[in-house]
N, C-alpha and C. Protein backbone atom coordinates (compact mmCIF):
# COMPACT_ATOMS: atom_id res chain seq x y z
N MET A 1 1.05 -0.82 -0.21
CA MET A 1 0.04 -0.06 -0.05
C MET A 1 0.90 1.21 -0.11
N LYS A 2 0.69 2.39 -0.81
CA LYS A 2 1.76 4.13 -1.22
C LYS A 2 0.70 4.31 0.14
N PHE A 3 1.84 5.40 0.21
CA PHE A 3 1.32 6.08 1.41
C PHE A 3 0.22 6.52 1.24
N ASP A 4 -0.04 7.64 -0.06
CA ASP A 4 -1.36 8.38 -0.62
C ASP A 4 -2.15 7.79 0.38
N GLU A 5 -2.20 5.85 -0.66
CA GLU A 5 -3.33 5.74 -0.63
C GLU A 5 -4.15 5.33 1.00
N LEU A 6 -2.78 5.38 1.79
CA LEU A 6 -3.25 4.99 3.14
C LEU A 6 -3.69 6.22 3.61
N LYS A 7 -3.67 7.43 3.32
CA LYS A 7 -3.56 8.84 3.63
C LYS A 7 -5.22 9.40 3.31
N GLU A 8 -5.64 8.70 1.76
CA GLU A 8 -6.86 8.83 1.93
C GLU A 8 -7.83 7.88 1.98
N MET A 9 -7.19 6.95 2.34
CA MET A 9 -8.49 6.22 3.80
C MET A 9 -8.73 6.64 4.64
N ILE A 10 -7.41 7.09 5.18
CA ILE A 10 -7.56 7.72 6.86
C ILE A 10 -8.74 8.73 6.90
N GLU A 11 -8.33 9.60 5.52
CA GLU A 11 -9.12 10.95 5.43
C GLU A 11 -10.80 10.16 5.20
N THR A 12 -10.93 9.18 4.50
CA THR A 12 -12.41 8.87 4.22
C THR A 12 -12.86 8.36 5.25
N ASP A 13 -12.20 7.27 6.32
CA ASP A 13 -12.59 6.53 7.38
C ASP A 13 -13.07 7.90 8.51
N SER A 14 -11.96 8.97 8.57
CA SER A 14 -12.61 9.62 10.01
C SER A 14 -13.56 11.10 9.38
N LYS A 15 -14.22 10.71 8.43
CA LYS A 15 -15.41 11.65 8.09
C LYS A 15 -16.61 11.13 9.08
N LEU A 16 -17.39 11.95 9.90
CA LEU A 16 -18.55 11.96 10.85
C LEU A 16 -19.52 12.42 10.00
N ASP A 17 -20.70 11.74 10.05
CA ASP A 17 -22.13 12.16 9.58
C ASP A 17 -23.01 12.52 10.71
N ILE A 18 -22.84 13.88 11.07
CA ILE A 18 -23.95 14.08 12.00
C ILE A 18 -25.43 13.57 12.12
N SER A 19 -25.62 13.22 11.05
CA SER A 19 -27.22 13.10 11.26
C SER A 19 -26.94 11.33 10.97
N LYS A 20 -25.80 10.71 11.27
CA LYS A 20 -25.78 9.30 11.76
C LYS A 20 -24.33 9.26 13.05
N LEU A 21 -24.30 9.72 13.91
CA LEU A 21 -23.85 9.78 14.50
C LEU A 21 -24.33 8.27 15.87
N ASP A 22 -24.58 7.92 15.63
CA ASP A 22 -25.08 6.53 16.09
C ASP A 22 -24.51 5.31 15.72
N LYS A 23 -24.61 5.55 14.51
CA LYS A 23 -23.89 4.42 13.64
C LYS A 23 -22.39 4.60 13.58
N ASP A 24 -21.84 5.85 13.26
CA ASP A 24 -20.71 6.18 13.38
C ASP A 24 -20.18 5.52 14.71
N ALA A 25 -20.54 5.60 15.78
CA ALA A 25 -20.50 4.97 17.16
C ALA A 25 -20.22 3.67 17.06
N LEU A 26 -21.24 2.91 16.31
CA LEU A 26 -21.35 1.74 16.49
C LEU A 26 -20.24 0.80 15.51
N HIS A 27 -19.54 1.76 14.38
CA HIS A 27 -18.96 1.53 13.78
C HIS A 27 -17.07 1.66 14.18
N VAL A 28 -17.02 2.38 15.27
CA VAL A 28 -15.68 2.50 15.92
C VAL A 28 -14.92 0.82 15.76
N PRO A 29 -15.24 0.28 16.79
CA PRO A 29 -14.63 -0.75 16.89
C PRO A 29 -14.03 -1.50 15.56
N TYR A 30 -15.35 -1.98 14.46
CA TYR A 30 -14.36 -2.22 13.44
C TYR A 30 -13.60 -1.62 12.59
N LEU A 31 -13.56 -0.05 12.97
CA LEU A 31 -12.46 0.66 12.47
C LEU A 31 -11.15 0.45 12.99
N GLN A 32 -11.59 0.51 14.42
CA GLN A 32 -10.00 -0.36 14.71
C GLN A 32 -9.34 -1.12 15.11
N GLY A 33 -10.46 -2.40 14.68
CA GLY A 33 -10.05 -4.06 14.26
C GLY A 33 -8.93 -3.60 12.91
N LYS A 34 -9.47 -2.62 11.78
CA LYS A 34 -9.15 -2.73 10.78
C LYS A 34 -7.79 -1.97 10.50
N TYR A 35 -7.94 -1.50 11.53
CA TYR A 35 -6.21 -0.35 11.89
C TYR A 35 -5.69 -1.31 12.17
N ILE A 36 -5.73 -1.89 13.39
CA ILE A 36 -4.55 -2.56 13.56
C ILE A 36 -4.04 -3.61 13.27
N ASN A 37 -4.68 -4.28 12.40
CA ASN A 37 -4.46 -5.13 11.53
C ASN A 37 -3.75 -4.75 10.12
N LYS A 38 -3.86 -3.53 9.77
CA LYS A 38 -2.96 -2.72 8.95
C LYS A 38 -2.05 -2.34 10.15
N HIS A 39 -1.99 -2.34 10.99
CA HIS A 39 -0.80 -1.77 11.70
C HIS A 39 0.03 -2.82 11.99
N SER A 40 -0.31 -3.98 12.28
CA SER A 40 0.73 -5.15 11.94
C SER A 40 1.19 -5.22 11.11
N VAL A 41 0.98 -5.13 9.48
CA VAL A 41 1.26 -5.67 8.45
C VAL A 41 2.12 -4.51 8.30
N GLU A 42 1.86 -2.93 8.47
CA GLU A 42 2.81 -2.67 7.79
C GLU A 42 3.93 -2.78 8.71
N ASN A 43 3.75 -2.73 9.94
CA ASN A 43 5.10 -2.73 10.95
C ASN A 43 5.64 -4.03 10.53
N GLY A 44 4.96 -5.24 10.15
CA GLY A 44 5.70 -6.03 9.68
C GLY A 44 7.35 -6.16 8.70
N LYS A 45 6.15 -5.03 7.68
CA LYS A 45 6.79 -4.84 6.73
C LYS A 45 8.53 -3.90 7.19
N LEU A 46 8.11 -3.25 8.17
CA LEU A 46 8.65 -2.44 8.24
C LEU A 46 10.45 -3.33 9.12
N LYS A 47 9.75 -3.88 10.57
CA LYS A 47 10.95 -4.55 10.55
C LYS A 47 11.69 -5.52 9.59
N ARG A 48 11.25 -6.13 8.66
CA ARG A 48 11.15 -6.79 7.51
C ARG A 48 12.64 -5.69 6.50
N LEU A 49 12.15 -4.80 6.35
CA LEU A 49 13.18 -3.56 5.85
C LEU A 49 13.85 -3.53 6.39
N GLU A 50 14.75 -3.19 7.95
CA GLU A 50 15.48 -3.00 9.12
C GLU A 50 16.41 -3.89 9.04
N LEU A 51 15.94 -5.37 8.95
CA LEU A 51 16.79 -6.52 8.70
C LEU A 51 17.06 -6.81 7.24
N GLU A 52 16.42 -6.19 6.47
CA GLU A 52 17.23 -6.21 5.23
C GLU A 52 18.59 -5.13 4.86
N LEU A 53 18.40 -4.10 5.32
CA LEU A 53 19.07 -2.99 5.76
C LEU A 53 20.44 -3.58 6.66
N LYS A 54 20.57 -4.20 7.66
CA LYS A 54 21.76 -4.25 8.19
C LYS A 54 22.64 -5.44 7.66
N LYS A 55 21.70 -6.48 6.67
CA LYS A 55 22.66 -7.13 5.68
C LYS A 55 23.07 -6.62 4.46
N LEU A 56 22.56 -5.58 4.00
CA LEU A 56 23.32 -5.01 2.85
C LEU A 56 24.07 -4.06 3.12
N LYS A 57 23.91 -3.87 4.99
CA LYS A 57 25.38 -2.90 5.10
C LYS A 57 26.45 -3.48 4.90
N PHE A 58 26.22 -5.18 6.12
CA PHE A 58 27.23 -6.10 6.27
C PHE A 58 27.70 -6.35 4.81
N LYS A 59 27.09 -6.45 3.78
CA LYS A 59 27.09 -6.75 2.45
C LYS A 59 28.46 -5.78 1.73
N LYS A 60 27.86 -4.49 1.87
CA LYS A 60 28.35 -3.22 1.60
C LYS A 60 29.84 -2.91 2.55
N TYR A 61 29.70 -3.47 3.51
CA TYR A 61 31.48 -3.14 4.31
C TYR A 61 32.25 -4.13 3.85
N GLN A 62 31.84 -5.35 3.81
CA GLN A 62 32.74 -6.44 2.91
C GLN A 62 33.07 -5.76 1.76
N TYR A 63 32.34 -5.55 1.05
CA TYR A 63 33.09 -5.12 0.07
C TYR A 63 34.15 -3.98 -0.71
N TYR A 64 33.61 -3.03 0.20
CA TYR A 64 34.31 -1.68 0.24
C TYR A 64 35.74 -1.71 1.16
N SER A 65 35.62 -2.68 2.09
CA SER A 65 37.07 -3.43 3.09
C SER A 65 37.50 -4.30 2.24
N GLY A 66 37.40 -4.52 1.18
CA GLY A 66 38.28 -5.44 -0.13
C GLY A 66 38.00 -6.84 0.52
N LYS A 67 37.07 -7.40 1.44
CA LYS A 67 36.76 -8.67 1.96
C LYS A 67 35.47 -9.63 0.83
N ALA A 68 35.19 -8.88 -0.12
CA ALA A 68 33.83 -9.33 -0.67
C ALA A 68 34.33 -10.51 -1.67
N THR A 69 33.74 -11.13 -2.57
CA THR A 69 34.19 -12.38 -3.37
C THR A 69 34.96 -11.77 -4.67
N GLY A 70 35.82 -12.49 -5.28
CA GLY A 70 35.98 -12.12 -6.54
C GLY A 70 35.15 -12.30 -7.61
N ALA A 71 34.11 -13.02 -7.57
CA ALA A 71 32.89 -12.47 -8.25
C ALA A 71 32.14 -11.23 -8.02
N GLU A 72 31.73 -10.51 -6.90
CA GLU A 72 31.14 -9.41 -7.14
C GLU A 72 32.12 -8.32 -7.25
N TYR A 73 33.70 -8.49 -7.18
CA TYR A 73 34.15 -7.08 -7.81
C TYR A 73 34.03 -7.09 -9.56
N GLN A 74 34.54 -8.48 -10.15
CA GLN A 74 34.03 -8.54 -11.40
C GLN A 74 33.03 -7.99 -11.52
N ALA A 75 31.75 -8.05 -11.44
CA ALA A 75 30.64 -7.35 -11.63
C ALA A 75 30.70 -6.11 -11.51
N LYS A 76 30.75 -5.99 -10.14
CA LYS A 76 31.09 -3.85 -9.78
C LYS A 76 32.71 -3.66 -9.56
N PRO A 77 33.29 -3.34 -10.61
CA PRO A 77 34.88 -3.47 -10.17
C PRO A 77 34.77 -2.19 -9.10
N LEU A 78 35.59 -2.25 -7.84
CA LEU A 78 36.55 -1.27 -7.15
C LEU A 78 37.78 -0.97 -7.40
N ASP A 79 37.52 0.08 -8.44
CA ASP A 79 38.84 0.79 -8.90
C ASP A 79 39.81 1.28 -8.33
N HIS A 80 39.61 1.51 -6.87
CA HIS A 80 40.50 2.28 -5.92
C HIS A 80 40.80 1.68 -4.46
N THR A 81 41.41 1.76 -4.13
CA THR A 81 41.65 1.18 -2.63
C THR A 81 41.10 2.65 -1.72
N ILE A 82 40.49 1.87 -0.58
CA ILE A 82 39.93 2.52 0.24
C ILE A 82 40.18 2.33 1.74
N LEU A 83 40.64 3.39 2.40
CA LEU A 83 41.38 3.30 3.77
C LEU A 83 39.95 2.61 4.48
N LYS A 84 40.58 2.25 5.71
CA LYS A 84 39.14 1.47 6.44
C LYS A 84 38.79 2.20 7.81
N THR A 85 39.55 3.90 7.76
CA THR A 85 38.54 5.06 8.12
C THR A 85 37.76 5.43 7.05
N ASP A 86 37.89 5.53 5.79
CA ASP A 86 36.81 5.75 4.94
C ASP A 86 35.62 4.74 4.73
N VAL A 87 35.55 3.11 4.86
CA VAL A 87 34.98 3.05 4.47
C VAL A 87 33.29 3.30 5.07
N GLN A 88 33.05 3.43 5.99
CA GLN A 88 31.98 3.94 6.58
C GLN A 88 31.56 4.94 5.75
N ARG A 89 31.81 5.68 5.48
CA ARG A 89 31.62 7.04 4.89
C ARG A 89 31.33 6.50 3.37
N TYR A 90 31.79 5.46 2.51
CA TYR A 90 31.27 4.72 1.62
C TYR A 90 30.14 4.25 1.69
N ILE A 91 29.54 3.17 2.73
CA ILE A 91 28.67 2.69 3.21
C ILE A 91 27.74 3.43 3.15
N ASP A 92 27.51 4.92 3.34
CA ASP A 92 27.10 5.28 3.95
C ASP A 92 26.30 6.44 2.51
N GLY A 93 27.06 6.48 1.86
CA GLY A 93 26.62 7.23 0.52
C GLY A 93 26.19 6.01 -0.31
N ASP A 94 26.24 4.84 -0.41
CA ASP A 94 26.32 4.01 -1.59
C ASP A 94 24.39 4.09 -1.88
N ALA A 95 24.43 4.50 -3.30
CA ALA A 95 22.62 4.78 -3.72
C ALA A 95 21.97 3.26 -3.09
N GLU A 96 22.47 1.74 -3.07
CA GLU A 96 21.49 0.72 -2.64
C GLU A 96 21.04 0.96 -1.07
N ILE A 97 22.40 1.65 -0.61
CA ILE A 97 21.96 1.56 0.82
C ILE A 97 20.89 3.02 1.24
N PHE A 98 21.19 3.93 0.40
CA PHE A 98 20.29 4.95 0.73
C PHE A 98 19.09 5.21 -0.24
N GLU A 99 18.59 4.32 -1.19
CA GLU A 99 17.62 3.43 -1.23
C GLU A 99 16.38 2.97 -0.44
N LEU A 100 16.96 1.55 0.33
CA LEU A 100 17.00 1.38 1.10
C LEU A 100 16.02 1.93 2.33
N GLU A 101 17.43 2.92 2.66
CA GLU A 101 17.31 3.92 3.80
C GLU A 101 15.63 4.33 3.63
N ASN A 102 15.69 5.28 2.38
CA ASN A 102 14.27 5.81 2.01
C ASN A 102 13.16 4.76 2.13
N ARG A 103 13.52 4.03 1.55
CA ARG A 103 11.77 2.99 2.41
C ARG A 103 11.66 2.87 3.21
N ILE A 104 12.85 2.62 4.18
CA ILE A 104 12.28 2.53 5.48
C ILE A 104 11.88 3.72 6.11
N LEU A 105 12.24 5.04 5.74
CA LEU A 105 12.12 6.31 6.36
C LEU A 105 9.88 6.22 5.54
N THR A 106 9.63 5.44 5.19
CA THR A 106 8.55 5.91 3.53
C THR A 106 7.60 4.69 5.02
N GLN A 107 8.18 3.51 5.32
CA GLN A 107 7.30 2.45 5.96
C GLN A 107 6.90 3.13 7.38
N LYS A 108 8.29 3.62 7.76
CA LYS A 108 7.92 4.65 9.53
C LYS A 108 6.82 5.25 8.94
N MET A 109 6.51 6.31 8.15
CA MET A 109 5.76 7.62 7.73
C MET A 109 4.26 6.24 7.94
N LYS A 110 4.33 5.30 7.56
CA LYS A 110 2.93 4.64 7.52
C LYS A 110 2.38 4.09 8.53
N VAL A 111 3.69 3.67 9.28
CA VAL A 111 2.97 2.68 10.61
C VAL A 111 2.75 4.28 11.30
N ASP A 112 3.35 4.94 11.69
CA ASP A 112 3.48 6.31 12.37
C ASP A 112 1.95 6.69 11.99
N ALA A 113 1.23 7.07 11.11
CA ALA A 113 0.32 7.53 10.48
C ALA A 113 -0.75 6.59 11.11
N ILE A 114 -0.64 5.16 10.55
CA ILE A 114 -1.79 4.45 11.61
C ILE A 114 -2.24 4.34 12.33
N SER A 115 -0.60 4.32 13.35
CA SER A 115 -0.70 4.62 15.06
C SER A 115 -1.33 5.31 14.91
N GLU A 116 -1.19 6.67 14.98
CA GLU A 116 -1.59 7.93 15.53
C GLU A 116 -3.47 7.46 14.99
N PHE A 117 -3.39 7.30 14.15
CA PHE A 117 -5.53 7.18 13.51
C PHE A 117 -6.05 6.08 14.77
N VAL A 118 -5.15 5.05 14.52
CA VAL A 118 -6.00 4.30 16.04
C VAL A 118 -5.90 5.02 17.31
N LYS A 119 -5.30 5.81 17.80
CA LYS A 119 -5.34 6.65 18.67
C LYS A 119 -6.08 7.59 18.52
N ALA A 120 -6.57 8.17 17.35
CA ALA A 120 -7.90 8.99 17.68
C ALA A 120 -8.74 8.12 17.59
N LEU A 121 -8.76 6.72 17.04
CA LEU A 121 -10.73 6.16 16.91
C LEU A 121 -10.83 6.07 18.66
N GLY A 122 -9.88 5.34 19.16
CA GLY A 122 -10.08 5.60 21.05
C GLY A 122 -10.87 6.57 21.09
N GLN A 123 -10.81 8.01 20.68
CA GLN A 123 -11.37 9.12 21.39
C GLN A 123 -12.50 9.78 20.50
N ARG A 124 -12.48 8.73 19.57
CA ARG A 124 -13.63 8.96 18.83
C ARG A 124 -14.88 8.78 19.27
N THR A 125 -15.40 8.06 20.13
CA THR A 125 -16.32 7.83 20.82
C THR A 125 -16.98 8.56 22.09
N TYR A 126 -15.94 9.79 22.17
CA TYR A 126 -16.33 10.68 23.07
C TYR A 126 -16.56 11.77 22.31
N LEU A 127 -16.00 11.97 21.46
CA LEU A 127 -16.25 13.09 20.67
C LEU A 127 -17.67 13.16 19.94
N ILE A 128 -18.13 11.76 19.50
CA ILE A 128 -19.24 11.69 19.04
C ILE A 128 -20.62 12.01 20.02
N LYS A 129 -20.06 11.30 21.29
CA LYS A 129 -20.81 12.00 22.90
C LYS A 129 -21.03 13.42 22.85
N SER A 130 -19.76 14.16 22.92
CA SER A 130 -19.81 15.38 22.79
C SER A 130 -20.78 16.09 21.68
N ALA A 131 -20.61 15.92 21.19
CA ALA A 131 -21.64 15.99 19.74
C ALA A 131 -22.70 15.63 19.86
N ILE A 132 -23.28 14.33 20.49
CA ILE A 132 -24.84 14.14 20.65
C ILE A 132 -24.91 15.35 21.91
N ASP A 133 -24.49 15.34 23.11
CA ASP A 133 -25.12 16.24 24.37
C ASP A 133 -24.90 17.65 23.71
N TYR A 134 -24.31 18.44 22.64
CA TYR A 134 -24.19 19.38 22.13
C TYR A 134 -25.65 19.56 21.29
N LEU A 135 -25.57 18.61 20.17
CA LEU A 135 -26.86 18.76 19.16
C LEU A 135 -28.56 18.62 20.41
N LYS A 136 -28.55 17.96 21.35
CA LYS A 136 -29.58 18.11 22.49
C LYS A 136 -29.94 19.24 23.16
N PHE A 137 -28.50 19.94 23.29
CA PHE A 137 -29.01 21.38 24.27
C PHE A 137 -29.16 22.20 23.50
N THR A 138 -28.68 22.56 21.65
CA THR A 138 -29.03 23.41 21.06
C THR A 138 -30.36 23.02 20.63
N ASN A 139 -31.07 21.59 20.77
CA ASN A 139 -32.62 21.49 20.38
C ASN A 139 -33.45 21.48 22.07
N GLY A 140 -32.98 21.82 22.80
CA GLY A 140 -33.55 22.21 23.84
C GLY A 140 -34.04 20.93 24.50
N VAL A 141 -33.23 19.88 24.55
CA VAL A 141 -33.89 18.63 25.53
C VAL A 141 -32.97 18.66 26.55
């Protein structure tokens, strides 16, 4: 799921209809279950990406420190010697590492957005009750 799709889904599920507050209140547990499931799926993806990053960083460490296999150097030659003190800089500047870190950042944003929406759903019943109380007050009930 893309981040924009998630934002649209949350926006749609955030809307309350003042004429159907009773149905919206009863719909809260369903929405909580839906987004808790999405959170666990997206959080699992985040954990797998983080593990993939660790593995890739080790592979890049071996490559830049001269400890990779000959086949790796034939596929992607390293035409100069890198000082041991500079290996981490090369790892940090590697395009594959950057791409994976960018994917992790996007995934963290998704997980955080879902977490915040689940928290907001926890408060939704109080907001609906307040809206109903306000409608009663304005209608003189």
